[in-house]
Amino acid sequence: MSDPVPPPAPEIIVVTSKRVKCDGGGGALGHPVVFYDMGEDDFVECLYCDRRFVLQAGAGGHGH
């Protein structure tokens, strides 16, 4: 009996702003555009596609 293959890890995207936009990559495999704000955290995960947006070390995070 073989072990099941684990699902691929979610994509990690390093950003310089605490406000991010995700569309799932666009095209037929994408999802509606959603916007997230990290608040006090240094990362946020998309509720549609599980992409993880991580604030770059040293970034101020106050982009528009």
PDB file of N, CA and C in Angstrom:
ATOM      1  N   MET A   1       0.850  -1.179   0.000  1.00  0.00           N
ATOM      2  CA  MET A   1       0.000   0.000   0.000  1.00  0.00           C
ATOM      3  C   MET A   1       0.894   1.241   0.000  1.00  0.00           C
ATOM      4  N   SER A   2       0.659   2.132  -0.934  1.00  0.00           N
ATOM      5  CA  SER A   2       1.494   3.333  -1.017  1.00  0.00           C
ATOM      6  C   SER A   2       0.837   4.493  -0.274  1.00  0.00           C
ATOM      7  N   ASP A   3       1.678   5.418   0.151  1.00  0.00           N
ATOM      8  CA  ASP A   3       1.173   6.604   0.832  1.00  0.00           C
ATOM      9  C   ASP A   3       0.482   7.504  -0.187  1.00  0.00           C
ATOM     10  N   PRO A   4      -0.605   8.172   0.219  1.00  0.00           N
ATOM     11  CA  PRO A   4      -1.256   9.105  -0.708  1.00  0.00           C
ATOM     12  C   PRO A   4      -0.343  10.291  -0.997  1.00  0.00           C
ATOM     13  N   VAL A   5      -0.467  10.832  -2.181  1.00  0.00           N
ATOM     14  CA  VAL A   5       0.341  11.990  -2.575  1.00  0.00           C
ATOM     15  C   VAL A   5      -0.264  13.229  -1.922  1.00  0.00           C
ATOM     16  N   PRO A   6       0.541  13.991  -1.174  1.00  0.00           N
ATOM     17  CA  PRO A   6      -0.003  15.189  -0.529  1.00  0.00           C
ATOM     18  C   PRO A   6      -0.316  16.253  -1.584  1.00  0.00           C
ATOM     19  N   PRO A   7      -1.299  17.101  -1.301  1.00  0.00           N
ATOM     20  CA  PRO A   7      -1.599  18.175  -2.256  1.00  0.00           C
ATOM     21  C   PRO A   7      -0.434  19.155  -2.327  1.00  0.00           C
ATOM     22  N   PRO A   8      -0.300  19.853  -3.438  1.00  0.00           N
ATOM     23  CA  PRO A   8       0.796  20.826  -3.536  1.00  0.00           C
ATOM     24  C   PRO A   8       0.621  21.938  -2.507  1.00  0.00           C
ATOM     25  N   ALA A   9       1.732  22.476  -2.046  1.00  0.00           N
ATOM     26  CA  ALA A   9       1.685  23.574  -1.077  1.00  0.00           C
ATOM     27  C   ALA A   9       1.080  24.798  -1.744  1.00  0.00           C
ATOM     28  N   PRO A  10       0.352  25.625  -0.982  1.00  0.00           N
ATOM     29  CA  PRO A  10      -0.200  26.849  -1.563  1.00  0.00           C
ATOM     30  C   PRO A  10       0.922  27.758  -2.074  1.00  0.00           C
ATOM     31  N   GLU A  11       0.604  28.514  -3.090  1.00  0.00           N
ATOM     32  CA  GLU A  11       1.569  29.459  -3.650  1.00  0.00           C
ATOM     33  C   GLU A  11       1.822  30.576  -2.641  1.00  0.00           C
ATOM     34  N   ILE A  12       3.084  30.964  -2.490  1.00  0.00           N
ATOM     35  CA  ILE A  12       3.456  32.057  -1.595  1.00  0.00           C
ATOM     36  C   ILE A  12       3.932  33.222  -2.449  1.00  0.00           C
ATOM     37  N   ILE A  13       3.353  34.392  -2.225  1.00  0.00           N
ATOM     38  CA  ILE A  13       3.706  35.591  -2.974  1.00  0.00           C
ATOM     39  C   ILE A  13       4.202  36.628  -1.981  1.00  0.00           C
ATOM     40  N   VAL A  14       5.429  37.099  -2.176  1.00  0.00           N
ATOM     41  CA  VAL A  14       6.013  38.129  -1.311  1.00  0.00           C
ATOM     42  C   VAL A  14       5.594  39.490  -1.852  1.00  0.00           C
ATOM     43  N   VAL A  15       5.062  40.325  -0.969  1.00  0.00           N
ATOM     44  CA  VAL A  15       4.544  41.638  -1.361  1.00  0.00           C
ATOM     45  C   VAL A  15       5.166  42.735  -0.500  1.00  0.00           C
ATOM     46  N   THR A  16       5.017  43.980  -0.948  1.00  0.00           N
ATOM     47  CA  THR A  16       5.570  45.110  -0.198  1.00  0.00           C
ATOM     48  C   THR A  16       4.481  45.967   0.428  1.00  0.00           C
ATOM     49  N   SER A  17       3.233  45.546   0.314  1.00  0.00           N
ATOM     50  CA  SER A  17       2.112  46.287   0.875  1.00  0.00           C
ATOM     51  C   SER A  17       1.222  45.341   1.672  1.00  0.00           C
ATOM     52  N   LYS A  18       0.625  45.836   2.745  1.00  0.00           N
ATOM     53  CA  LYS A  18      -0.286  45.017   3.541  1.00  0.00           C
ATOM     54  C   LYS A  18      -1.646  44.877   2.870  1.00  0.00           C
ATOM     55  N   ARG A  19      -1.894  45.656   1.830  1.00  0.00           N
ATOM     56  CA  ARG A  19      -3.123  45.548   1.051  1.00  0.00           C
ATOM     57  C   ARG A  19      -2.803  44.795  -0.226  1.00  0.00           C
ATOM     58  N   VAL A  20      -3.516  43.698  -0.465  1.00  0.00           N
ATOM     59  CA  VAL A  20      -3.233  42.875  -1.640  1.00  0.00           C
ATOM     60  C   VAL A  20      -4.520  42.548  -2.388  1.00  0.00           C
ATOM     61  N   LYS A  21      -4.346  42.175  -3.652  1.00  0.00           N
ATOM     62  CA  LYS A  21      -5.447  41.790  -4.523  1.00  0.00           C
ATOM     63  C   LYS A  21      -5.147  40.403  -5.064  1.00  0.00           C
ATOM     64  N   CYS A  22      -6.154  39.535  -5.114  1.00  0.00           N
ATOM     65  CA  CYS A  22      -5.965  38.198  -5.655  1.00  0.00           C
ATOM     66  C   CYS A  22      -7.086  37.892  -6.636  1.00  0.00           C
ATOM     67  N   ASP A  23      -6.725  37.315  -7.784  1.00  0.00           N
ATOM     68  CA  ASP A  23      -7.716  36.878  -8.767  1.00  0.00           C
ATOM     69  C   ASP A  23      -7.523  35.401  -9.106  1.00  0.00           C
ATOM     70  N   GLY A  24      -6.712  34.716  -8.310  1.00  0.00           N
ATOM     71  CA  GLY A  24      -6.473  33.299  -8.534  1.00  0.00           C
ATOM     72  C   GLY A  24      -5.602  33.000  -9.730  1.00  0.00           C
ATOM     73  N   GLY A  25      -5.022  34.006 -10.315  1.00  0.00           N
ATOM     74  CA  GLY A  25      -4.161  33.809 -11.478  1.00  0.00           C
ATOM     75  C   GLY A  25      -4.842  34.179 -12.779  1.00  0.00           C
ATOM     76  N   GLY A  26      -6.092  34.575 -12.718  1.00  0.00           N
ATOM     77  CA  GLY A  26      -6.808  34.990 -13.916  1.00  0.00           C
ATOM     78  C   GLY A  26      -7.138  33.835 -14.836  1.00  0.00           C
ATOM     79  N   GLY A  27      -7.706  34.152 -15.967  1.00  0.00           N
ATOM     80  CA  GLY A  27      -8.057  33.120 -16.936  1.00  0.00           C
ATOM     81  C   GLY A  27      -9.172  32.219 -16.421  1.00  0.00           C
ATOM     82  N   ALA A  28      -9.331  31.091 -17.074  1.00  0.00           N
ATOM     83  CA  ALA A  28     -10.403  30.156 -16.739  1.00  0.00           C
ATOM     84  C   ALA A  28     -10.247  29.545 -15.349  1.00  0.00           C
ATOM     85  N   LEU A  29      -9.026  29.511 -14.819  1.00  0.00           N
ATOM     86  CA  LEU A  29      -8.794  28.899 -13.514  1.00  0.00           C
ATOM     87  C   LEU A  29      -8.826  29.904 -12.370  1.00  0.00           C
ATOM     88  N   GLY A  30      -9.082  31.163 -12.689  1.00  0.00           N
ATOM     89  CA  GLY A  30      -9.083  32.196 -11.654  1.00  0.00           C
ATOM     90  C   GLY A  30     -10.373  32.197 -10.851  1.00  0.00           C
ATOM     91  N   HIS A  31     -10.545  33.248 -10.054  1.00  0.00           N
ATOM     92  CA  HIS A  31     -11.745  33.436  -9.247  1.00  0.00           C
ATOM     93  C   HIS A  31     -12.045  34.920  -9.226  1.00  0.00           C
ATOM     94  N   PRO A  32     -13.173  35.347  -8.679  1.00  0.00           N
ATOM     95  CA  PRO A  32     -13.458  36.788  -8.622  1.00  0.00           C
ATOM     96  C   PRO A  32     -12.327  37.533  -7.908  1.00  0.00           C
ATOM     97  N   VAL A  33     -12.077  38.755  -8.329  1.00  0.00           N
ATOM     98  CA  VAL A  33     -11.049  39.575  -7.689  1.00  0.00           C
ATOM     99  C   VAL A  33     -11.483  39.886  -6.264  1.00  0.00           C
ATOM    100  N   VAL A  34     -10.577  39.638  -5.324  1.00  0.00           N
ATOM    101  CA  VAL A  34     -10.822  39.947  -3.920  1.00  0.00           C
ATOM    102  C   VAL A  34      -9.642  40.743  -3.377  1.00  0.00           C
ATOM    103  N   PHE A  35      -9.928  41.595  -2.416  1.00  0.00           N
ATOM    104  CA  PHE A  35      -8.905  42.429  -1.796  1.00  0.00           C
ATOM    105  C   PHE A  35      -8.800  42.046  -0.325  1.00  0.00           C
ATOM    106  N   TYR A  36      -7.576  42.043   0.182  1.00  0.00           N
ATOM    107  CA  TYR A  36      -7.328  41.705   1.580  1.00  0.00           C
ATOM    108  C   TYR A  36      -6.410  42.738   2.208  1.00  0.00           C
ATOM    109  N   ASP A  37      -6.564  42.944   3.506  1.00  0.00           N
ATOM    110  CA  ASP A  37      -5.682  43.802   4.291  1.00  0.00           C
ATOM    111  C   ASP A  37      -5.127  42.940   5.418  1.00  0.00           C
ATOM    112  N   MET A  38      -3.814  42.948   5.585  1.00  0.00           N
ATOM    113  CA  MET A  38      -3.165  42.102   6.590  1.00  0.00           C
ATOM    114  C   MET A  38      -3.413  42.559   8.015  1.00  0.00           C
ATOM    115  N   GLY A  39      -3.820  43.787   8.192  1.00  0.00           N
ATOM    116  CA  GLY A  39      -4.027  44.298   9.546  1.00  0.00           C
ATOM    117  C   GLY A  39      -2.719  44.288  10.315  1.00  0.00           C
ATOM    118  N   GLU A  40      -2.720  43.700  11.492  1.00  0.00           N
ATOM    119  CA  GLU A  40      -1.522  43.635  12.332  1.00  0.00           C
ATOM    120  C   GLU A  40      -0.590  42.493  11.951  1.00  0.00           C
ATOM    121  N   ASP A  41      -1.055  41.578  11.103  1.00  0.00           N
ATOM    122  CA  ASP A  41      -0.238  40.429  10.706  1.00  0.00           C
ATOM    123  C   ASP A  41       0.700  40.778   9.554  1.00  0.00           C
ATOM    124  N   ASP A  42       1.618  39.872   9.259  1.00  0.00           N
ATOM    125  CA  ASP A  42       2.548  40.048   8.146  1.00  0.00           C
ATOM    126  C   ASP A  42       2.235  39.105   6.994  1.00  0.00           C
ATOM    127  N   PHE A  43       1.029  38.531   6.993  1.00  0.00           N
ATOM    128  CA  PHE A  43       0.596  37.662   5.904  1.00  0.00           C
ATOM    129  C   PHE A  43      -0.923  37.586   5.900  1.00  0.00           C
ATOM    130  N   VAL A  44      -1.456  37.153   4.775  1.00  0.00           N
ATOM    131  CA  VAL A  44      -2.888  36.893   4.646  1.00  0.00           C
ATOM    132  C   VAL A  44      -3.051  35.800   3.603  1.00  0.00           C
ATOM    133  N   GLU A  45      -4.068  34.953   3.765  1.00  0.00           N
ATOM    134  CA  GLU A  45      -4.327  33.878   2.808  1.00  0.00           C
ATOM    135  C   GLU A  45      -5.638  34.139   2.090  1.00  0.00           C
ATOM    136  N   CYS A  46      -5.660  33.871   0.798  1.00  0.00           N
ATOM    137  CA  CYS A  46      -6.863  34.031  -0.008  1.00  0.00           C
ATOM    138  C   CYS A  46      -7.857  32.933   0.374  1.00  0.00           C
ATOM    139  N   LEU A  47      -9.085  33.324   0.598  1.00  0.00           N
ATOM    140  CA  LEU A  47     -10.117  32.366   0.987  1.00  0.00           C
ATOM    141  C   LEU A  47     -10.597  31.523  -0.190  1.00  0.00           C
ATOM    142  N   TYR A  48     -10.292  31.943  -1.412  1.00  0.00           N
ATOM    143  CA  TYR A  48     -10.676  31.175  -2.595  1.00  0.00           C
ATOM    144  C   TYR A  48      -9.621  30.141  -2.972  1.00  0.00           C
ATOM    145  N   CYS A  49      -8.369  30.583  -3.124  1.00  0.00           N
ATOM    146  CA  CYS A  49      -7.353  29.700  -3.712  1.00  0.00           C
ATOM    147  C   CYS A  49      -6.203  29.358  -2.765  1.00  0.00           C
ATOM    148  N   ASP A  50      -6.249  29.837  -1.529  1.00  0.00           N
ATOM    149  CA  ASP A  50      -5.234  29.550  -0.509  1.00  0.00           C
ATOM    150  C   ASP A  50      -3.867  30.158  -0.779  1.00  0.00           C
ATOM    151  N   ARG A  51      -3.758  31.033  -1.792  1.00  0.00           N
ATOM    152  CA  ARG A  51      -2.475  31.727  -1.967  1.00  0.00           C
ATOM    153  C   ARG A  51      -2.163  32.458  -0.674  1.00  0.00           C
ATOM    154  N   ARG A  52      -0.887  32.481  -0.322  1.00  0.00           N
ATOM    155  CA  ARG A  52      -0.462  33.192   0.890  1.00  0.00           C
ATOM    156  C   ARG A  52       0.353  34.393   0.448  1.00  0.00           C
ATOM    157  N   PHE A  53      -0.069  35.576   0.851  1.00  0.00           N
ATOM    158  CA  PHE A  53       0.645  36.817   0.573  1.00  0.00           C
ATOM    159  C   PHE A  53       1.424  37.168   1.831  1.00  0.00           C
ATOM    160  N   VAL A  54       2.746  37.269   1.704  1.00  0.00           N
ATOM    161  CA  VAL A  54       3.635  37.504   2.836  1.00  0.00           C
ATOM    162  C   VAL A  54       4.328  38.847   2.642  1.00  0.00           C
ATOM    163  N   LEU A  55       4.278  39.684   3.677  1.00  0.00           N
ATOM    164  CA  LEU A  55       4.922  40.993   3.618  1.00  0.00           C
ATOM    165  C   LEU A  55       6.434  40.824   3.622  1.00  0.00           C
ATOM    166  N   GLN A  56       7.091  41.455   2.669  1.00  0.00           N
ATOM    167  CA  GLN A  56       8.552  41.386   2.553  1.00  0.00           C
ATOM    168  C   GLN A  56       9.188  42.002   3.802  1.00  0.00           C
ATOM    169  N   ALA A  57      10.234  41.351   4.299  1.00  0.00           N
ATOM    170  CA  ALA A  57      10.938  41.852   5.480  1.00  0.00           C
ATOM    171  C   ALA A  57      11.412  43.280   5.238  1.00  0.00           C
ATOM    172  N   GLY A  58      11.150  44.148   6.167  1.00  0.00           N
ATOM    173  CA  GLY A  58      11.581  45.538   6.061  1.00  0.00           C
ATOM    174  C   GLY A  58      10.629  46.434   5.294  1.00  0.00           C
ATOM    175  N   ALA A  59       9.586  45.862   4.680  1.00  0.00           N
ATOM    176  CA  ALA A  59       8.624  46.664   3.931  1.00  0.00           C
ATOM    177  C   ALA A  59       7.724  47.417   4.912  1.00  0.00           C
ATOM    178  N   GLY A  60       7.423  48.647   4.598  1.00  0.00           N
ATOM    179  CA  GLY A  60       6.557  49.445   5.444  1.00  0.00           C
ATOM    180  C   GLY A  60       5.129  48.949   5.450  1.00  0.00           C
ATOM    181  N   GLY A  61       4.700  48.428   4.307  1.00  0.00           N
ATOM    182  CA  GLY A  61       3.372  47.870   4.233  1.00  0.00           C
ATOM    183  C   GLY A  61       2.244  48.861   4.121  1.00  0.00           C
ATOM    184  N   HIS A  62       2.542  50.119   3.775  1.00  0.00           N
ATOM    185  CA  HIS A  62       1.479  51.117   3.723  1.00  0.00           C
ATOM    186  C   HIS A  62       1.139  51.508   2.303  1.00  0.00           C
ATOM    187  N   GLY A  63       1.293  50.600   1.352  1.00  0.00           N
ATOM    188  CA  GLY A  63       0.977  50.900  -0.048  1.00  0.00           C
ATOM    189  C   GLY A  63      -0.508  51.064  -0.262  1.00  0.00           C
ATOM    190  N   HIS A  64      -0.858  51.552  -1.451  1.00  0.00           N
ATOM    191  CA  HIS A  64      -2.276  51.805  -1.748  1.00  0.00           C
ATOM    192  C   HIS A  64      -2.783  50.733  -2.624  1.00  0.00           C
TER     193      HIS A  64
END
